[in-house]
Amino acid sequence: MSTSQAIQVKKSISAIPKQTATPLLRLQGVHCGYREAGEWREILRGVDLEVSIGEQLALVGLSGSGKSTLLHLLGGLDVPSAGHVTFDGQDLAGLGEPARSLWRRRHVGFIYQFFNLIPTLSVLENVMLPLELNGMDEKLGRGKALDLLDEVGLSDRAGAYPDKLSGGEQQRVAMVRALIHQPALVLADEPTGNLDFATGEKVLDLLDRLVRAQGHTLILVTHSPEVARRADRVIRLLDGQLVAA
């Protein structure tokens, strides 16, 4: 190899992003709480956390321990009273609410316990909504949505409305809607909490397969040890701080 070729190869290698160099998510000294009856109630107390690209993380803790609060901070739905939450090096609190809303639309997928499907929209329309909000052409979005619905066994339910679906079907639709725009970050709040065990296992199998196939980072809140064991890493919220589970 000539000297000029070696220099060119070196430049090409250095141009490849080192995704492991900077965590996708980083929390530094995060505090969060609210004022109640004139007194400050602190929920999170100096939380530090790093989450890598493509990692699956389970967050466990007692009811009221602050799991949902932490999830809201990670998704930019709230900002800390102190400390920093950064996504790919960007401090979310510094974006301001309009910019955070746009950031969520592009980079985050949410999956909730109670599905949160829009009852007046069909399955296909619910799934296509994130693509429409991001400006994708309707024809392209429709094809993409149908393909993903087919992948989870629901292409034949595309024209149905949420009230005609079983709980497992609704959660699969909610899952597809959360993943359709290929977000870097997927946040799931008790995604199987409203399902029976067998149905929940099937939904989790699908979620695991789709998330890993697309290289998403998944943070999943759960009370279930069985669900938590599926993750790459488990952490627990205790007295407002994170500890190894």
C-alpha atoms as a PDB file:
ATOM      1  CA  MET A   1       0.000   0.000   0.000  1.00  0.00           C
ATOM      2  CA  SER A   2       1.345   3.419  -0.939  1.00  0.00           C
ATOM      3  CA  THR A   3       1.696   6.247   1.569  1.00  0.00           C
ATOM      4  CA  SER A   4      -1.175   8.178  -0.059  1.00  0.00           C
ATOM      5  CA  GLN A   5      -3.430   5.105   0.100  1.00  0.00           C
ATOM      6  CA  ALA A   6      -2.577   4.561   3.762  1.00  0.00           C
ATOM      7  CA  ILE A   7      -3.453   8.188   4.549  1.00  0.00           C
ATOM      8  CA  GLN A   8      -6.763   7.820   2.707  1.00  0.00           C
ATOM      9  CA  VAL A   9      -7.645   4.638   4.633  1.00  0.00           C
ATOM     10  CA  LYS A  10      -6.770   6.349   7.902  1.00  0.00           C
ATOM     11  CA  LYS A  11      -9.048   9.280   7.021  1.00  0.00           C
ATOM     12  CA  SER A  12     -11.899   6.931   6.112  1.00  0.00           C
ATOM     13  CA  ILE A  13     -11.596   5.044   9.390  1.00  0.00           C
ATOM     14  CA  SER A  14     -11.478   8.213  11.457  1.00  0.00           C
ATOM     15  CA  ALA A  15     -14.625   9.474   9.724  1.00  0.00           C
ATOM     16  CA  ILE A  16     -16.668   6.520  11.014  1.00  0.00           C
ATOM     17  CA  PRO A  17     -18.650   7.657  14.100  1.00  0.00           C
ATOM     18  CA  LYS A  18     -17.490   5.946  17.278  1.00  0.00           C
ATOM     19  CA  GLN A  19     -20.962   5.216  18.688  1.00  0.00           C
ATOM     20  CA  THR A  20     -19.578   3.703  21.870  1.00  0.00           C
ATOM     21  CA  ALA A  21     -17.521   6.809  22.692  1.00  0.00           C
ATOM     22  CA  THR A  22     -20.537   8.810  23.886  1.00  0.00           C
ATOM     23  CA  PRO A  23     -23.538   7.135  25.567  1.00  0.00           C
ATOM     24  CA  LEU A  24     -26.867   7.717  23.876  1.00  0.00           C
ATOM     25  CA  LEU A  25     -28.278   8.890  27.207  1.00  0.00           C
ATOM     26  CA  ARG A  26     -26.497  10.381  30.188  1.00  0.00           C
ATOM     27  CA  LEU A  27     -27.962  11.625  33.459  1.00  0.00           C
ATOM     28  CA  GLN A  28     -25.680  13.615  35.737  1.00  0.00           C
ATOM     29  CA  GLY A  29     -26.710  14.640  39.250  1.00  0.00           C
ATOM     30  CA  VAL A  30     -30.399  14.667  38.360  1.00  0.00           C
ATOM     31  CA  HIS A  31     -32.862  15.898  40.967  1.00  0.00           C
ATOM     32  CA  CYS A  32     -36.603  16.166  40.398  1.00  0.00           C
ATOM     33  CA  GLY A  33     -39.586  16.856  42.637  1.00  0.00           C
ATOM     34  CA  TYR A  34     -42.574  19.079  43.231  1.00  0.00           C
ATOM     35  CA  ARG A  35     -44.038  21.404  45.822  1.00  0.00           C
ATOM     36  CA  GLU A  36     -46.887  20.008  47.933  1.00  0.00           C
ATOM     37  CA  ALA A  37     -48.710  21.951  50.661  1.00  0.00           C
ATOM     38  CA  GLY A  38     -45.919  24.502  50.699  1.00  0.00           C
ATOM     39  CA  GLU A  39     -43.182  21.894  51.081  1.00  0.00           C
ATOM     40  CA  TRP A  40     -40.776  20.521  48.484  1.00  0.00           C
ATOM     41  CA  ARG A  41     -41.077  16.780  47.882  1.00  0.00           C
ATOM     42  CA  GLU A  42     -38.031  15.357  46.158  1.00  0.00           C
ATOM     43  CA  ILE A  43     -38.550  12.216  44.055  1.00  0.00           C
ATOM     44  CA  LEU A  44     -35.148  11.797  42.413  1.00  0.00           C
ATOM     45  CA  ARG A  45     -32.014  12.597  44.402  1.00  0.00           C
ATOM     46  CA  GLY A  46     -28.822  12.958  42.423  1.00  0.00           C
ATOM     47  CA  VAL A  47     -29.392  10.251  39.820  1.00  0.00           C
ATOM     48  CA  ASP A  48     -26.445   9.322  37.592  1.00  0.00           C
ATOM     49  CA  LEU A  49     -26.934   6.981  34.642  1.00  0.00           C
ATOM     50  CA  GLU A  50     -25.435   6.148  31.264  1.00  0.00           C
ATOM     51  CA  VAL A  51     -27.256   4.104  28.609  1.00  0.00           C
ATOM     52  CA  SER A  52     -25.454   2.818  25.527  1.00  0.00           C
ATOM     53  CA  ILE A  53     -26.722   2.727  21.963  1.00  0.00           C
ATOM     54  CA  GLY A  54     -28.692  -0.476  21.382  1.00  0.00           C
ATOM     55  CA  GLU A  55     -28.872  -1.394  25.075  1.00  0.00           C
ATOM     56  CA  GLN A  56     -31.997  -2.832  26.690  1.00  0.00           C
ATOM     57  CA  LEU A  57     -32.392  -1.562  30.243  1.00  0.00           C
ATOM     58  CA  ALA A  58     -35.051  -2.594  32.782  1.00  0.00           C
ATOM     59  CA  LEU A  59     -35.975  -0.115  35.509  1.00  0.00           C
ATOM     60  CA  VAL A  60     -37.628  -1.584  38.603  1.00  0.00           C
ATOM     61  CA  GLY A  61     -38.759  -0.217  41.952  1.00  0.00           C
ATOM     62  CA  LEU A  62     -41.675   0.068  44.338  1.00  0.00           C
ATOM     63  CA  SER A  63     -44.802   1.928  43.316  1.00  0.00           C
ATOM     64  CA  GLY A  64     -44.213   5.644  43.796  1.00  0.00           C
ATOM     65  CA  SER A  65     -40.434   5.291  43.686  1.00  0.00           C
ATOM     66  CA  GLY A  66     -40.141   7.656  40.721  1.00  0.00           C
ATOM     67  CA  LYS A  67     -39.873   5.256  37.786  1.00  0.00           C
ATOM     68  CA  SER A  68     -42.383   7.124  35.642  1.00  0.00           C
ATOM     69  CA  THR A  69     -40.802  10.448  36.624  1.00  0.00           C
ATOM     70  CA  LEU A  70     -37.436   9.187  35.429  1.00  0.00           C
ATOM     71  CA  LEU A  71     -38.992   7.910  32.198  1.00  0.00           C
ATOM     72  CA  HIS A  72     -40.558  11.346  31.590  1.00  0.00           C
ATOM     73  CA  LEU A  73     -37.170  12.988  32.038  1.00  0.00           C
ATOM     74  CA  LEU A  74     -35.531  10.551  29.610  1.00  0.00           C
ATOM     75  CA  GLY A  75     -38.269  11.248  27.064  1.00  0.00           C
ATOM     76  CA  GLY A  76     -38.056  15.021  27.406  1.00  0.00           C
ATOM     77  CA  LEU A  77     -41.598  15.284  28.786  1.00  0.00           C
ATOM     78  CA  ASP A  78     -40.193  16.994  31.867  1.00  0.00           C
ATOM     79  CA  VAL A  79     -36.921  18.641  32.868  1.00  0.00           C
ATOM     80  CA  PRO A  80     -34.965  18.127  36.111  1.00  0.00           C
ATOM     81  CA  SER A  81     -34.961  20.674  38.901  1.00  0.00           C
ATOM     82  CA  ALA A  82     -31.182  20.193  38.996  1.00  0.00           C
ATOM     83  CA  GLY A  83     -28.635  18.235  36.978  1.00  0.00           C
ATOM     84  CA  HIS A  84     -28.501  17.320  33.318  1.00  0.00           C
ATOM     85  CA  VAL A  85     -30.204  14.843  30.971  1.00  0.00           C
ATOM     86  CA  THR A  86     -28.358  14.589  27.659  1.00  0.00           C
ATOM     87  CA  PHE A  87     -29.221  12.671  24.496  1.00  0.00           C
ATOM     88  CA  ASP A  88     -26.326  12.081  22.113  1.00  0.00           C
ATOM     89  CA  GLY A  89     -24.531  14.957  23.831  1.00  0.00           C
ATOM     90  CA  GLN A  90     -27.492  17.395  23.662  1.00  0.00           C
ATOM     91  CA  ASP A  91     -28.812  18.750  26.976  1.00  0.00           C
ATOM     92  CA  LEU A  92     -32.586  18.302  26.676  1.00  0.00           C
ATOM     93  CA  ALA A  93     -33.427  21.081  29.135  1.00  0.00           C
ATOM     94  CA  GLY A  94     -31.555  23.514  26.911  1.00  0.00           C
ATOM     95  CA  LEU A  95     -33.823  22.821  23.940  1.00  0.00           C
ATOM     96  CA  GLY A  96     -36.972  24.491  25.287  1.00  0.00           C
ATOM     97  CA  GLU A  97     -40.417  22.884  25.073  1.00  0.00           C
ATOM     98  CA  PRO A  98     -41.138  23.442  21.329  1.00  0.00           C
ATOM     99  CA  ALA A  99     -37.759  21.989  20.352  1.00  0.00           C
ATOM    100  CA  ARG A 100     -38.147  19.088  22.804  1.00  0.00           C
ATOM    101  CA  SER A 101     -41.513  18.284  21.271  1.00  0.00           C
ATOM    102  CA  LEU A 102     -39.912  18.098  17.831  1.00  0.00           C
ATOM    103  CA  TRP A 103     -37.051  16.028  19.258  1.00  0.00           C
ATOM    104  CA  ARG A 104     -39.515  13.530  20.779  1.00  0.00           C
ATOM    105  CA  ARG A 105     -41.388  13.277  17.502  1.00  0.00           C
ATOM    106  CA  ARG A 106     -38.217  12.285  15.674  1.00  0.00           C
ATOM    107  CA  HIS A 107     -36.211  10.309  18.188  1.00  0.00           C
ATOM    108  CA  VAL A 108     -38.503   8.726  20.811  1.00  0.00           C
ATOM    109  CA  GLY A 109     -41.145   6.006  20.731  1.00  0.00           C
ATOM    110  CA  PHE A 110     -43.461   5.571  23.740  1.00  0.00           C
ATOM    111  CA  ILE A 111     -45.286   2.377  24.739  1.00  0.00           C
ATOM    112  CA  TYR A 112     -47.782   2.611  27.610  1.00  0.00           C
ATOM    113  CA  GLN A 113     -49.554   0.108  29.843  1.00  0.00           C
ATOM    114  CA  PHE A 114     -53.001   1.224  28.688  1.00  0.00           C
ATOM    115  CA  PHE A 115     -52.096   1.393  24.988  1.00  0.00           C
ATOM    116  CA  ASN A 116     -53.176   5.062  24.448  1.00  0.00           C
ATOM    117  CA  LEU A 117     -54.509   4.384  20.961  1.00  0.00           C
ATOM    118  CA  ILE A 118     -56.745   7.070  19.461  1.00  0.00           C
ATOM    119  CA  PRO A 119     -60.241   5.509  19.428  1.00  0.00           C
ATOM    120  CA  THR A 120     -61.490   7.471  16.410  1.00  0.00           C
ATOM    121  CA  LEU A 121     -58.610   6.290  14.214  1.00  0.00           C
ATOM    122  CA  SER A 122     -58.277   2.870  12.625  1.00  0.00           C
ATOM    123  CA  VAL A 123     -55.331   0.599  13.354  1.00  0.00           C
ATOM    124  CA  LEU A 124     -53.591   1.764  10.187  1.00  0.00           C
ATOM    125  CA  GLU A 125     -54.275   5.436  10.944  1.00  0.00           C
ATOM    126  CA  ASN A 126     -52.945   5.074  14.505  1.00  0.00           C
ATOM    127  CA  VAL A 127     -49.742   3.491  13.212  1.00  0.00           C
ATOM    128  CA  MET A 128     -49.253   6.054  10.445  1.00  0.00           C
ATOM    129  CA  LEU A 129     -49.674   9.053  12.774  1.00  0.00           C
ATOM    130  CA  PRO A 130     -45.978   9.408  13.754  1.00  0.00           C
ATOM    131  CA  LEU A 131     -44.978   9.258  10.085  1.00  0.00           C
ATOM    132  CA  GLU A 132     -47.503  11.949   9.166  1.00  0.00           C
ATOM    133  CA  LEU A 133     -46.265  14.178  11.993  1.00  0.00           C
ATOM    134  CA  ASN A 134     -42.733  13.769  10.646  1.00  0.00           C
ATOM    135  CA  GLY A 135     -43.827  14.723   7.130  1.00  0.00           C
ATOM    136  CA  MET A 136     -43.535  11.374   5.362  1.00  0.00           C
ATOM    137  CA  ASP A 137     -45.392  10.974   2.079  1.00  0.00           C
ATOM    138  CA  GLU A 138     -48.780   9.304   2.742  1.00  0.00           C
ATOM    139  CA  LYS A 139     -48.312   6.535   0.190  1.00  0.00           C
ATOM    140  CA  LEU A 140     -44.863   5.645   1.508  1.00  0.00           C
ATOM    141  CA  GLY A 141     -46.110   5.814   5.088  1.00  0.00           C
ATOM    142  CA  ARG A 142     -49.050   3.543   4.321  1.00  0.00           C
ATOM    143  CA  GLY A 143     -46.787   0.921   2.775  1.00  0.00           C
ATOM    144  CA  LYS A 144     -44.364   1.062   5.679  1.00  0.00           C
ATOM    145  CA  ALA A 145     -47.180   0.767   8.211  1.00  0.00           C
ATOM    146  CA  LEU A 146     -48.758  -2.203   6.458  1.00  0.00           C
ATOM    147  CA  ASP A 147     -45.400  -3.971   6.261  1.00  0.00           C
ATOM    148  CA  LEU A 148     -44.780  -3.599   9.981  1.00  0.00           C
ATOM    149  CA  LEU A 149     -48.349  -4.598  10.869  1.00  0.00           C
ATOM    150  CA  ASP A 150     -47.843  -7.702   8.779  1.00  0.00           C
ATOM    151  CA  GLU A 151     -44.651  -8.446  10.696  1.00  0.00           C
ATOM    152  CA  VAL A 152     -46.613  -8.561  13.983  1.00  0.00           C
ATOM    153  CA  GLY A 153     -49.530 -10.488  12.469  1.00  0.00           C
ATOM    154  CA  LEU A 154     -52.029  -7.628  12.285  1.00  0.00           C
ATOM    155  CA  SER A 155     -52.217  -6.703   8.596  1.00  0.00           C
ATOM    156  CA  ASP A 156     -55.760  -8.114   8.484  1.00  0.00           C
ATOM    157  CA  ARG A 157     -56.809  -5.710  11.274  1.00  0.00           C
ATOM    158  CA  ALA A 158     -55.575  -2.527   9.581  1.00  0.00           C
ATOM    159  CA  GLY A 159     -59.101  -1.182   9.038  1.00  0.00           C
ATOM    160  CA  ALA A 160     -60.407  -2.073  12.501  1.00  0.00           C
ATOM    161  CA  TYR A 161     -60.825   0.402  15.359  1.00  0.00           C
ATOM    162  CA  PRO A 162     -59.188  -0.057  18.775  1.00  0.00           C
ATOM    163  CA  ASP A 163     -62.412  -1.036  20.565  1.00  0.00           C
ATOM    164  CA  LYS A 164     -62.702  -4.078  18.301  1.00  0.00           C
ATOM    165  CA  LEU A 165     -59.265  -5.417  19.261  1.00  0.00           C
ATOM    166  CA  SER A 166     -58.175  -7.644  22.122  1.00  0.00           C
ATOM    167  CA  GLY A 167     -55.745  -6.282  24.705  1.00  0.00           C
ATOM    168  CA  GLY A 168     -52.842  -8.115  23.099  1.00  0.00           C
ATOM    169  CA  GLU A 169     -53.759  -6.782  19.666  1.00  0.00           C
ATOM    170  CA  GLN A 170     -54.012  -3.224  20.991  1.00  0.00           C
ATOM    171  CA  GLN A 171     -50.587  -3.486  22.598  1.00  0.00           C
ATOM    172  CA  ARG A 172     -49.079  -4.818  19.378  1.00  0.00           C
ATOM    173  CA  VAL A 173     -50.572  -1.848  17.519  1.00  0.00           C
ATOM    174  CA  ALA A 174     -49.181   0.525  20.168  1.00  0.00           C
ATOM    175  CA  MET A 175     -45.800  -1.151  19.805  1.00  0.00           C
ATOM    176  CA  VAL A 176     -45.803  -0.777  16.017  1.00  0.00           C
ATOM    177  CA  ARG A 177     -46.821   2.881  16.354  1.00  0.00           C
ATOM    178  CA  ALA A 178     -43.895   3.461  18.741  1.00  0.00           C
ATOM    179  CA  LEU A 179     -41.395   1.849  16.367  1.00  0.00           C
ATOM    180  CA  ILE A 180     -42.720   2.902  12.949  1.00  0.00           C
ATOM    181  CA  HIS A 181     -40.535   6.026  12.654  1.00  0.00           C
ATOM    182  CA  GLN A 182     -37.429   4.083  13.763  1.00  0.00           C
ATOM    183  CA  PRO A 183     -36.696   6.103  16.905  1.00  0.00           C
ATOM    184  CA  ALA A 184     -33.280   5.838  18.503  1.00  0.00           C
ATOM    185  CA  LEU A 185     -34.923   5.544  21.927  1.00  0.00           C
ATOM    186  CA  VAL A 186     -37.944   3.440  22.928  1.00  0.00           C
ATOM    187  CA  LEU A 187     -39.500   4.032  26.361  1.00  0.00           C
ATOM    188  CA  ALA A 188     -41.943   1.404  27.630  1.00  0.00           C
ATOM    189  CA  ASP A 189     -43.920   1.974  30.845  1.00  0.00           C
ATOM    190  CA  GLU A 190     -45.277  -1.374  32.127  1.00  0.00           C
ATOM    191  CA  PRO A 191     -46.057  -2.521  28.554  1.00  0.00           C
ATOM    192  CA  THR A 192     -47.474  -5.873  29.719  1.00  0.00           C
ATOM    193  CA  GLY A 193     -49.104  -4.642  32.938  1.00  0.00           C
ATOM    194  CA  ASN A 194     -52.593  -4.807  31.415  1.00  0.00           C
ATOM    195  CA  LEU A 195     -52.145  -8.212  29.733  1.00  0.00           C
ATOM    196  CA  ASP A 196     -52.338 -11.797  30.906  1.00  0.00           C
ATOM    197  CA  PHE A 197     -49.041 -13.639  31.269  1.00  0.00           C
ATOM    198  CA  ALA A 198     -49.165 -15.616  28.018  1.00  0.00           C
ATOM    199  CA  THR A 199     -50.182 -12.603  25.922  1.00  0.00           C
ATOM    200  CA  GLY A 200     -47.580 -10.442  27.633  1.00  0.00           C
ATOM    201  CA  GLU A 201     -44.856 -12.959  26.814  1.00  0.00           C
ATOM    202  CA  LYS A 202     -45.802 -12.909  23.123  1.00  0.00           C
ATOM    203  CA  VAL A 203     -45.800  -9.100  23.061  1.00  0.00           C
ATOM    204  CA  LEU A 204     -42.388  -8.996  24.767  1.00  0.00           C
ATOM    205  CA  ASP A 205     -40.982 -11.537  22.318  1.00  0.00           C
ATOM    206  CA  LEU A 206     -42.082  -9.319  19.425  1.00  0.00           C
ATOM    207  CA  LEU A 207     -40.791  -6.165  21.091  1.00  0.00           C
ATOM    208  CA  ASP A 208     -37.406  -7.750  21.765  1.00  0.00           C
ATOM    209  CA  ARG A 209     -37.089  -9.001  18.193  1.00  0.00           C
ATOM    210  CA  LEU A 210     -38.082  -5.705  16.574  1.00  0.00           C
ATOM    211  CA  VAL A 211     -36.010  -3.514  18.896  1.00  0.00           C
ATOM    212  CA  ARG A 212     -32.869  -5.594  18.451  1.00  0.00           C
ATOM    213  CA  ALA A 213     -33.391  -5.909  14.694  1.00  0.00           C
ATOM    214  CA  GLN A 214     -33.601  -2.132  14.306  1.00  0.00           C
ATOM    215  CA  GLY A 215     -30.857  -1.322  16.831  1.00  0.00           C
ATOM    216  CA  HIS A 216     -33.089   0.747  19.118  1.00  0.00           C
ATOM    217  CA  THR A 217     -32.217   1.557  22.707  1.00  0.00           C
ATOM    218  CA  LEU A 218     -34.994   0.328  25.007  1.00  0.00           C
ATOM    219  CA  ILE A 219     -35.719   1.440  28.560  1.00  0.00           C
ATOM    220  CA  LEU A 220     -38.523  -0.576  30.119  1.00  0.00           C
ATOM    221  CA  VAL A 221     -40.250   0.116  33.438  1.00  0.00           C
ATOM    222  CA  THR A 222     -41.669  -2.990  35.068  1.00  0.00           C
ATOM    223  CA  HIS A 223     -42.733  -4.517  38.396  1.00  0.00           C
ATOM    224  CA  SER A 224     -42.172  -8.002  37.032  1.00  0.00           C
ATOM    225  CA  PRO A 225     -38.877  -9.827  37.760  1.00  0.00           C
ATOM    226  CA  GLU A 226     -39.600 -12.112  34.790  1.00  0.00           C
ATOM    227  CA  VAL A 227     -39.887  -9.136  32.427  1.00  0.00           C
ATOM    228  CA  ALA A 228     -36.813  -7.439  33.916  1.00  0.00           C
ATOM    229  CA  ARG A 229     -34.661 -10.529  33.368  1.00  0.00           C
ATOM    230  CA  ARG A 230     -35.106 -10.152  29.610  1.00  0.00           C
ATOM    231  CA  ALA A 231     -33.089  -6.909  29.633  1.00  0.00           C
ATOM    232  CA  ASP A 232     -29.334  -6.534  29.174  1.00  0.00           C
ATOM    233  CA  ARG A 233     -29.143  -4.679  32.486  1.00  0.00           C
ATOM    234  CA  VAL A 234     -31.473  -4.146  35.446  1.00  0.00           C
ATOM    235  CA  ILE A 235     -31.369  -1.152  37.771  1.00  0.00           C
ATOM    236  CA  ARG A 236     -33.560  -0.301  40.749  1.00  0.00           C
ATOM    237  CA  LEU A 237     -34.874   2.998  42.059  1.00  0.00           C
ATOM    238  CA  LEU A 238     -34.526   3.151  45.846  1.00  0.00           C
ATOM    239  CA  ASP A 239     -34.980   6.279  47.949  1.00  0.00           C
ATOM    240  CA  GLY A 240     -34.706   8.454  44.848  1.00  0.00           C
ATOM    241  CA  GLN A 241     -31.427   6.963  43.668  1.00  0.00           C
ATOM    242  CA  LEU A 242     -30.422   4.203  41.290  1.00  0.00           C
ATOM    243  CA  VAL A 243     -28.819   1.026  42.591  1.00  0.00           C
ATOM    244  CA  ALA A 244     -27.867  -2.241  40.880  1.00  0.00           C
ATOM    245  CA  ALA A 245     -30.769  -4.699  41.032  1.00  0.00           C
END
